[in-house]
N, C-alpha and C. Protein backbone atom coordinates (compact mmCIF):
# COMPACT_ATOMS: atom_id res chain seq x y z
N MET A 1 -56.05 -36.91 75.13
CA MET A 1 -56.51 -37.92 75.30
C MET A 1 -55.37 -39.27 75.04
N LEU A 2 -55.20 -39.10 73.73
CA LEU A 2 -54.52 -40.31 73.19
C LEU A 2 -53.49 -41.08 74.90
N ARG A 3 -53.02 -39.93 74.77
CA ARG A 3 -51.77 -40.19 76.27
C ARG A 3 -52.44 -41.16 77.41
N LYS A 4 -53.97 -40.73 77.38
CA LYS A 4 -54.69 -41.21 78.20
C LYS A 4 -55.55 -42.30 78.14
N ILE A 5 -55.52 -42.64 77.17
CA ILE A 5 -55.59 -44.12 76.23
C ILE A 5 -54.73 -45.06 76.59
N ILE A 6 -53.54 -44.26 76.16
CA ILE A 6 -52.51 -45.31 76.50
C ILE A 6 -52.57 -46.03 77.66
N PHE A 7 -52.22 -44.91 78.42
CA PHE A 7 -51.84 -45.25 80.53
C PHE A 7 -53.45 -46.00 80.43
N SER A 8 -54.33 -46.00 79.88
CA SER A 8 -55.28 -46.90 80.38
C SER A 8 -54.78 -48.75 79.78
N VAL A 9 -54.85 -48.91 78.63
CA VAL A 9 -54.63 -50.02 78.08
C VAL A 9 -53.72 -50.66 78.80
N THR A 10 -52.39 -49.56 78.82
CA THR A 10 -51.04 -50.33 79.30
C THR A 10 -51.43 -50.62 80.87
N PHE A 11 -52.16 -49.63 81.92
CA PHE A 11 -52.50 -50.15 82.92
C PHE A 11 -53.35 -51.48 83.23
N LEU A 12 -54.59 -51.38 82.28
CA LEU A 12 -55.02 -52.36 82.25
C LEU A 12 -54.54 -53.90 81.94
N ILE A 13 -53.61 -54.25 80.98
CA ILE A 13 -52.95 -55.34 80.94
C ILE A 13 -51.46 -55.17 81.58
N PHE A 14 -51.32 -55.05 82.18
CA PHE A 14 -50.30 -55.02 83.53
C PHE A 14 -51.22 -55.39 84.79
N ILE A 15 -53.05 -55.21 84.71
CA ILE A 15 -53.57 -55.54 85.92
C ILE A 15 -54.07 -57.14 85.81
N THR A 16 -54.25 -57.26 84.35
CA THR A 16 -54.66 -58.70 84.14
C THR A 16 -53.39 -59.73 84.23
N SER A 17 -51.97 -59.49 83.82
CA SER A 17 -51.36 -60.05 83.44
C SER A 17 -50.68 -60.45 84.41
N SER A 18 -50.91 -59.87 85.69
CA SER A 18 -50.06 -59.93 87.45
C SER A 18 -50.82 -61.08 88.00
N TYR A 19 -52.66 -60.90 87.38
CA TYR A 19 -53.23 -62.19 88.30
C TYR A 19 -53.39 -63.10 87.64
N ALA A 20 -53.13 -63.47 86.08
CA ALA A 20 -53.48 -64.41 85.57
C ALA A 20 -52.50 -65.65 85.46
N GLN A 21 -52.75 -66.93 85.55
CA GLN A 21 -52.05 -67.85 85.27
C GLN A 21 -51.63 -68.31 84.36
N LYS A 22 -50.87 -68.98 84.02
CA LYS A 22 -49.79 -68.93 82.57
C LYS A 22 -50.40 -70.76 82.13
N GLN A 23 -50.46 -70.65 80.68
CA GLN A 23 -50.71 -72.11 80.50
C GLN A 23 -50.31 -72.01 78.79
N THR A 24 -50.62 -73.25 78.63
CA THR A 24 -49.89 -74.19 77.41
C THR A 24 -51.28 -74.65 76.55
N THR A 25 -50.93 -74.90 75.17
CA THR A 25 -52.11 -75.85 74.79
C THR A 25 -52.00 -77.14 75.09
N SER A 26 -53.31 -78.22 74.83
CA SER A 26 -52.89 -79.87 75.32
C SER A 26 -52.84 -80.04 73.99
N ALA A 27 -52.75 -78.65 72.77
CA ALA A 27 -51.95 -79.99 71.57
C ALA A 27 -50.25 -80.19 71.53
N ASP A 28 -50.01 -79.67 72.77
CA ASP A 28 -48.33 -79.86 73.04
C ASP A 28 -48.03 -81.59 73.28
N PHE A 29 -49.18 -82.19 73.56
CA PHE A 29 -48.79 -83.38 74.73
C PHE A 29 -50.16 -84.33 74.45
N SER A 30 -50.17 -85.53 73.92
CA SER A 30 -51.33 -86.31 74.58
C SER A 30 -52.16 -87.29 75.35
N GLU A 31 -51.14 -86.94 76.36
CA GLU A 31 -51.46 -87.75 77.53
C GLU A 31 -51.07 -86.76 78.58
N PRO A 32 -51.92 -86.44 80.17
CA PRO A 32 -51.40 -85.14 81.08
C PRO A 32 -50.57 -85.95 81.81
N PHE A 33 -50.15 -84.97 82.17
CA PHE A 33 -48.70 -84.63 83.47
C PHE A 33 -49.50 -85.31 84.63
N LYS A 34 -49.02 -86.14 85.25
CA LYS A 34 -49.14 -85.96 86.82
C LYS A 34 -48.15 -85.65 87.75
N ILE A 35 -48.74 -84.87 88.40
CA ILE A 35 -47.75 -84.13 89.87
C ILE A 35 -48.15 -85.00 90.87
N ALA A 36 -46.19 -84.83 91.47
CA ALA A 36 -46.59 -85.40 92.99
C ALA A 36 -45.58 -84.93 93.85
N PHE A 37 -45.70 -85.02 94.62
CA PHE A 37 -44.72 -84.26 95.69
C PHE A 37 -43.56 -85.77 96.74
N ASN A 38 -42.05 -85.27 96.54
CA ASN A 38 -41.73 -86.39 97.68
C ASN A 38 -41.29 -85.36 99.17
N ASN A 39 -41.04 -85.58 100.44
CA ASN A 39 -41.15 -85.21 101.72
C ASN A 39 -39.74 -86.07 101.90
N PHE A 40 -38.72 -84.61 101.77
CA PHE A 40 -37.47 -85.12 102.04
C PHE A 40 -37.43 -84.84 103.45
N THR A 41 -37.98 -84.62 103.88
CA THR A 41 -38.17 -83.83 105.61
C THR A 41 -38.23 -84.72 106.84
N SER A 42 -38.25 -84.32 108.14
CA SER A 42 -38.22 -84.94 109.08
C SER A 42 -39.41 -84.33 109.77
N LYS A 43 -40.25 -83.47 108.43
CA LYS A 43 -42.02 -83.44 109.53
C LYS A 43 -42.76 -83.71 108.49
N THR A 44 -44.18 -83.79 109.05
CA THR A 44 -45.71 -84.10 107.73
C THR A 44 -45.43 -82.92 107.34
N VAL A 45 -46.02 -82.75 105.86
CA VAL A 45 -45.67 -81.40 105.20
C VAL A 45 -47.15 -81.85 104.57
N TRP A 46 -47.92 -80.43 104.37
CA TRP A 46 -49.33 -80.26 103.89
C TRP A 46 -49.21 -79.62 102.63
N VAL A 47 -49.26 -79.96 101.74
CA VAL A 47 -49.25 -79.13 99.91
C VAL A 47 -51.02 -79.02 99.48
N ALA A 48 -50.46 -77.52 98.86
CA ALA A 48 -52.31 -77.01 98.36
C ALA A 48 -51.35 -76.39 96.38
N VAL A 49 -51.90 -77.27 95.62
CA VAL A 49 -51.99 -76.78 94.44
C VAL A 49 -52.58 -76.15 93.53
N ARG A 50 -52.37 -75.45 92.83
CA ARG A 50 -52.79 -74.32 91.90
C ARG A 50 -52.50 -75.16 90.53
N TYR A 51 -53.75 -75.49 89.82
CA TYR A 51 -53.45 -75.74 88.26
C TYR A 51 -54.57 -75.99 87.14
N LYS A 52 -54.65 -76.49 86.17
CA LYS A 52 -55.17 -76.37 84.95
C LYS A 52 -55.60 -77.01 84.71
N THR A 53 -56.89 -78.16 85.34
CA THR A 53 -57.39 -79.65 85.01
C THR A 53 -57.52 -79.83 84.00
N THR A 54 -57.96 -81.05 83.64
CA THR A 54 -57.74 -81.92 81.95
C THR A 54 -58.76 -81.18 81.38
N SER A 55 -60.16 -80.83 81.93
CA SER A 55 -61.00 -80.33 81.34
C SER A 55 -61.10 -78.42 80.85
N GLY A 56 -60.02 -78.24 81.38
CA GLY A 56 -59.71 -76.87 81.02
C GLY A 56 -60.01 -75.45 81.87
N SER A 57 -60.35 -76.00 83.26
CA SER A 57 -60.88 -75.18 84.17
C SER A 57 -59.37 -74.80 85.34
N TRP A 58 -59.17 -73.54 85.80
CA TRP A 58 -58.07 -73.73 87.14
C TRP A 58 -59.16 -74.20 88.41
N ARG A 59 -58.03 -74.53 88.67
CA ARG A 59 -58.41 -75.33 89.96
C ARG A 59 -57.56 -74.96 91.32
N THR A 60 -58.09 -75.19 92.65
CA THR A 60 -57.02 -75.07 93.66
C THR A 60 -57.58 -76.19 94.74
N LYS A 61 -56.27 -77.39 94.47
CA LYS A 61 -56.83 -78.34 95.66
C LYS A 61 -55.75 -78.53 96.94
N TYR A 62 -55.91 -78.97 98.05
CA TYR A 62 -55.55 -78.70 99.06
C TYR A 62 -56.25 -79.14 100.04
N TRP A 63 -55.58 -80.03 101.07
CA TRP A 63 -54.32 -80.13 101.84
C TRP A 63 -53.45 -82.01 101.40
N PHE A 64 -52.89 -82.26 100.55
CA PHE A 64 -52.28 -83.33 100.64
C PHE A 64 -51.37 -83.61 101.63
N LYS A 65 -51.28 -84.61 102.09
CA LYS A 65 -50.57 -84.79 103.18
C LYS A 65 -49.43 -85.14 102.96
N TYR A 66 -48.24 -85.05 103.30
CA TYR A 66 -46.81 -86.44 103.32
C TYR A 66 -45.97 -86.28 104.47
N LYS A 67 -46.04 -87.79 104.61
CA LYS A 67 -45.27 -87.97 105.81
C LYS A 67 -43.78 -88.03 106.10
N PRO A 68 -43.39 -87.58 106.71
CA PRO A 68 -41.54 -87.70 107.24
C PRO A 68 -41.62 -88.35 106.25
N TYR A 69 -40.16 -88.31 104.75
CA TYR A 69 -39.52 -88.85 104.22
C TYR A 69 -40.49 -90.12 103.30
N GLU A 70 -41.57 -89.32 103.12
CA GLU A 70 -42.42 -90.40 102.08
C GLU A 70 -42.14 -89.73 100.50
N LYS A 71 -41.35 -91.09 99.81
CA LYS A 71 -41.31 -91.14 98.58
C LYS A 71 -42.24 -91.76 97.39
N ASP A 72 -42.73 -91.88 96.62
CA ASP A 72 -43.50 -92.29 95.65
C ASP A 72 -42.22 -92.88 94.78
N LYS A 73 -42.22 -94.38 94.95
CA LYS A 73 -41.42 -95.30 94.18
C LYS A 73 -42.38 -95.99 93.42
N ASN A 74 -43.20 -95.85 93.32
CA ASN A 74 -44.29 -97.04 92.34
C ASN A 74 -45.17 -95.99 91.54
N ASN A 75 -44.97 -95.04 91.62
CA ASN A 75 -45.37 -93.88 90.52
C ASN A 75 -46.99 -94.10 90.39
N LYS A 76 -47.37 -94.09 91.76
CA LYS A 76 -49.11 -94.45 91.87
C LYS A 76 -49.51 -93.19 92.97
N THR A 77 -48.94 -92.24 93.31
CA THR A 77 -49.36 -91.10 94.75
C THR A 77 -49.30 -89.68 93.91
N PHE A 78 -49.75 -89.52 92.30
CA PHE A 78 -49.55 -88.46 91.89
C PHE A 78 -51.18 -87.49 92.88
N VAL A 79 -50.60 -86.36 92.93
CA VAL A 79 -52.03 -85.55 93.14
C VAL A 79 -52.96 -84.90 92.25
N ILE A 80 -52.33 -84.31 91.42
CA ILE A 80 -53.31 -83.77 89.93
C ILE A 80 -52.66 -84.53 88.48
N LYS A 81 -53.33 -84.43 87.72
CA LYS A 81 -53.32 -84.29 86.53
C LYS A 81 -53.34 -83.53 85.17
N THR A 82 -52.61 -82.69 84.98
CA THR A 82 -52.99 -81.60 84.00
C THR A 82 -52.28 -81.58 82.25
N PHE A 83 -52.64 -80.74 81.40
CA PHE A 83 -52.05 -80.62 80.04
C PHE A 83 -51.26 -79.73 80.31
N ASN A 84 -51.57 -79.09 81.26
CA ASN A 84 -50.74 -77.59 81.20
C ASN A 84 -49.06 -77.66 81.53
N ARG A 85 -48.25 -76.95 81.11
CA ARG A 85 -46.98 -76.74 81.78
C ARG A 85 -46.50 -76.63 82.44
N TYR A 86 -47.42 -75.44 82.99
CA TYR A 86 -47.57 -74.99 84.53
C TYR A 86 -48.55 -74.99 85.59
N PHE A 87 -47.40 -75.54 87.16
CA PHE A 87 -48.58 -75.10 87.69
C PHE A 87 -47.72 -74.27 89.21
N TYR A 88 -48.56 -74.19 90.09
CA TYR A 88 -48.14 -73.49 91.36
C TYR A 88 -48.62 -74.66 92.74
N TYR A 89 -48.22 -73.87 94.10
CA TYR A 89 -48.39 -74.75 94.75
C TYR A 89 -47.23 -74.02 95.71
N PHE A 90 -47.92 -74.68 96.95
CA PHE A 90 -47.16 -74.06 98.44
C PHE A 90 -47.71 -75.11 99.25
N ALA A 91 -46.60 -75.35 100.24
CA ALA A 91 -46.30 -76.21 101.31
C ALA A 91 -46.33 -75.69 102.43
N ARG A 92 -46.18 -76.21 103.70
CA ARG A 92 -45.67 -76.48 105.12
C ARG A 92 -45.82 -77.56 105.73
N THR A 93 -45.04 -77.20 107.36
CA THR A 93 -45.72 -78.21 107.55
C THR A 93 -46.15 -77.94 108.59
N LYS A 94 -46.47 -78.09 110.12
CA LYS A 94 -47.63 -77.54 111.26
C LYS A 94 -46.10 -77.03 112.02
N SER A 95 -46.51 -76.25 113.27
CA SER A 95 -45.93 -75.73 114.30
C SER A 95 -45.01 -76.60 115.38
N ASN A 96 -44.17 -76.56 115.67
CA ASN A 96 -43.81 -77.63 116.71
C ASN A 96 -43.63 -76.94 118.00
N TYR A 97 -43.20 -77.74 118.70
CA TYR A 97 -43.60 -77.30 119.97
C TYR A 97 -43.08 -75.53 120.50
N ASN A 98 -41.78 -75.20 119.59
CA ASN A 98 -41.24 -73.62 120.26
C ASN A 98 -41.87 -72.77 118.86
N GLY A 99 -43.16 -73.42 117.99
CA GLY A 99 -43.74 -72.67 117.21
C GLY A 99 -43.30 -72.45 115.75
N SER A 100 -42.23 -73.38 115.52
CA SER A 100 -41.44 -73.16 114.28
C SER A 100 -42.36 -73.79 113.03
N TYR A 101 -41.85 -73.93 112.31
CA TYR A 101 -42.43 -74.66 110.97
C TYR A 101 -41.69 -74.28 109.33
N SER A 102 -41.43 -74.91 108.34
CA SER A 102 -40.89 -74.92 107.16
C SER A 102 -42.50 -74.47 106.52
N VAL A 103 -41.78 -73.47 105.03
CA VAL A 103 -43.07 -73.09 104.10
C VAL A 103 -42.37 -73.51 103.20
N TRP A 104 -42.72 -73.58 101.92
CA TRP A 104 -42.40 -73.18 100.58
C TRP A 104 -43.13 -72.59 99.64
N LYS A 105 -42.99 -71.34 99.36
CA LYS A 105 -43.50 -70.73 99.38
C LYS A 105 -43.47 -69.79 97.95
N GLY A 106 -43.76 -68.98 96.90
CA GLY A 106 -43.65 -68.31 95.87
C GLY A 106 -44.68 -66.56 95.94
N ARG A 107 -44.07 -65.97 94.97
CA ARG A 107 -44.73 -64.84 94.66
C ARG A 107 -45.46 -64.94 93.34
N ASP A 108 -45.42 -66.29 92.16
CA ASP A 108 -46.11 -66.62 91.55
C ASP A 108 -47.63 -66.11 91.03
N ASN A 109 -48.24 -66.39 92.11
CA ASN A 109 -49.96 -66.62 92.16
C ASN A 109 -50.14 -66.64 93.31
N TYR A 110 -51.46 -66.08 93.30
CA TYR A 110 -51.61 -65.87 95.23
C TYR A 110 -53.30 -66.54 95.13
N ARG A 111 -53.68 -66.92 96.06
CA ARG A 111 -54.41 -67.66 96.38
C ARG A 111 -55.26 -67.93 97.82
N LYS A 112 -56.60 -67.86 97.93
CA LYS A 112 -56.76 -68.17 99.20
C LYS A 112 -57.38 -69.73 99.26
N VAL A 113 -56.37 -69.71 100.67
CA VAL A 113 -56.43 -71.77 101.44
C VAL A 113 -56.40 -71.47 102.40
N ASP A 114 -58.29 -72.60 103.11
CA ASP A 114 -58.37 -72.12 103.99
C ASP A 114 -58.87 -70.76 104.36
N GLY A 115 -59.09 -69.85 103.59
CA GLY A 115 -59.30 -68.61 104.13
C GLY A 115 -57.82 -67.80 104.24
N LYS A 116 -57.59 -68.36 104.11
CA LYS A 116 -55.74 -67.41 104.17
C LYS A 116 -55.28 -66.87 102.87
N GLN A 117 -54.70 -65.99 102.57
CA GLN A 117 -53.89 -65.70 101.14
C GLN A 117 -52.46 -66.36 101.55
N VAL A 118 -52.14 -66.88 100.28
CA VAL A 118 -51.01 -67.83 100.06
C VAL A 118 -50.22 -67.31 98.77
N GLY A 119 -49.20 -67.20 99.00
CA GLY A 119 -48.07 -66.99 98.18
C GLY A 119 -47.23 -68.41 96.95
N MET A 120 -47.48 -68.55 95.94
CA MET A 120 -47.82 -69.85 95.33
C MET A 120 -46.16 -70.03 94.31
N LYS A 121 -45.43 -70.73 94.56
CA LYS A 121 -44.33 -71.23 93.63
C LYS A 121 -44.56 -71.90 91.87
N GLU A 122 -44.32 -70.93 90.88
CA GLU A 122 -44.87 -71.48 89.87
C GLU A 122 -43.37 -72.83 89.55
N ILE A 123 -44.17 -73.59 89.03
CA ILE A 123 -42.95 -74.79 88.16
C ILE A 123 -43.38 -75.01 86.74
N TYR A 124 -42.54 -75.07 86.08
CA TYR A 124 -42.71 -74.77 84.67
C TYR A 124 -42.38 -76.11 83.78
N LEU A 125 -43.00 -77.32 83.55
CA LEU A 125 -42.91 -78.53 83.17
C LEU A 125 -41.72 -78.19 81.74
N SER A 126 -40.29 -78.03 82.03
CA SER A 126 -39.74 -78.24 80.66
C SER A 126 -39.72 -78.97 79.74
N LYS A 127 -39.59 -78.44 78.57
CA LYS A 127 -39.46 -79.30 77.25
C LYS A 127 -38.66 -80.93 77.46
N SER A 128 -37.59 -80.52 78.41
CA SER A 128 -36.95 -81.55 78.60
C SER A 128 -37.64 -83.01 79.34
N ILE A 129 -38.40 -82.54 80.24
CA ILE A 129 -39.20 -83.36 80.86
C ILE A 129 -40.30 -84.07 79.79
N PHE A 130 -40.62 -83.34 78.32
CA PHE A 130 -41.53 -84.28 77.32
C PHE A 130 -40.85 -85.69 76.82
N SER A 131 -39.84 -85.82 76.95
CA SER A 131 -38.75 -86.51 76.59
C SER A 131 -39.41 -88.32 77.39
N LYS A 132 -39.94 -87.82 78.59
CA LYS A 132 -40.00 -89.12 79.39
C LYS A 132 -41.46 -89.54 78.56
N PRO A 133 -41.84 -90.92 78.92
CA PRO A 133 -43.18 -90.83 78.14
C PRO A 133 -44.09 -90.81 78.98
N ARG A 134 -45.15 -90.33 78.16
CA ARG A 134 -46.25 -89.58 78.83
C ARG A 134 -47.20 -90.52 79.83
N GLY A 135 -47.78 -90.05 80.82
CA GLY A 135 -48.37 -90.69 81.78
C GLY A 135 -47.43 -91.10 82.94
N GLN A 136 -46.31 -90.37 82.67
CA GLN A 136 -45.09 -90.64 84.35
C GLN A 136 -45.31 -89.28 84.71
N THR A 137 -44.63 -89.43 86.43
CA THR A 137 -45.31 -88.51 87.15
C THR A 137 -44.11 -87.59 87.31
N TYR A 138 -44.12 -86.35 87.50
CA TYR A 138 -43.14 -85.37 87.54
C TYR A 138 -43.64 -85.25 89.21
N TYR A 139 -42.12 -85.40 89.79
CA TYR A 139 -42.05 -85.06 91.05
C TYR A 139 -41.51 -83.75 91.87
N ILE A 140 -42.04 -83.01 92.19
CA ILE A 140 -41.52 -82.22 92.81
C ILE A 140 -40.51 -82.43 94.55
N ASP A 141 -39.57 -82.03 95.10
CA ASP A 141 -38.91 -82.66 95.87
C ASP A 141 -38.59 -81.59 97.09
N LEU A 142 -39.89 -81.86 98.20
CA LEU A 142 -39.63 -81.29 99.27
C LEU A 142 -38.48 -81.19 100.04
N LYS A 143 -37.30 -80.39 100.14
CA LYS A 143 -36.26 -80.48 101.02
C LYS A 143 -35.88 -79.48 102.19
């Protein structure tokens, strides 16, 4: 009986942790991070982002469009704001004439985007990022 209870608890912990998003407390910083993307490719890129809102709920937003070689030089085109150190993203180009396309994905979090299950890549904002003034934009470079 004890063995069965231990197995059940272990299994429940494993299942719960594999679908949970990671999070930190808002006490870690006074202003939210702004997250944006730089497109270093010759194709238009569409981005989906999973993040914890400043009000504390998890949300998935999509499709943010970045034109070829589009970069934010004026710190104004952020797509999300979050107090959390963790967020997830999936990005892709549309297929060209031969059907090929580029994808930036991961296995850290899975979400439905436009009805299709996609693997999202986890990004962790390390403490070294905290040395920047609050309110600065953190960029993900798509290459």
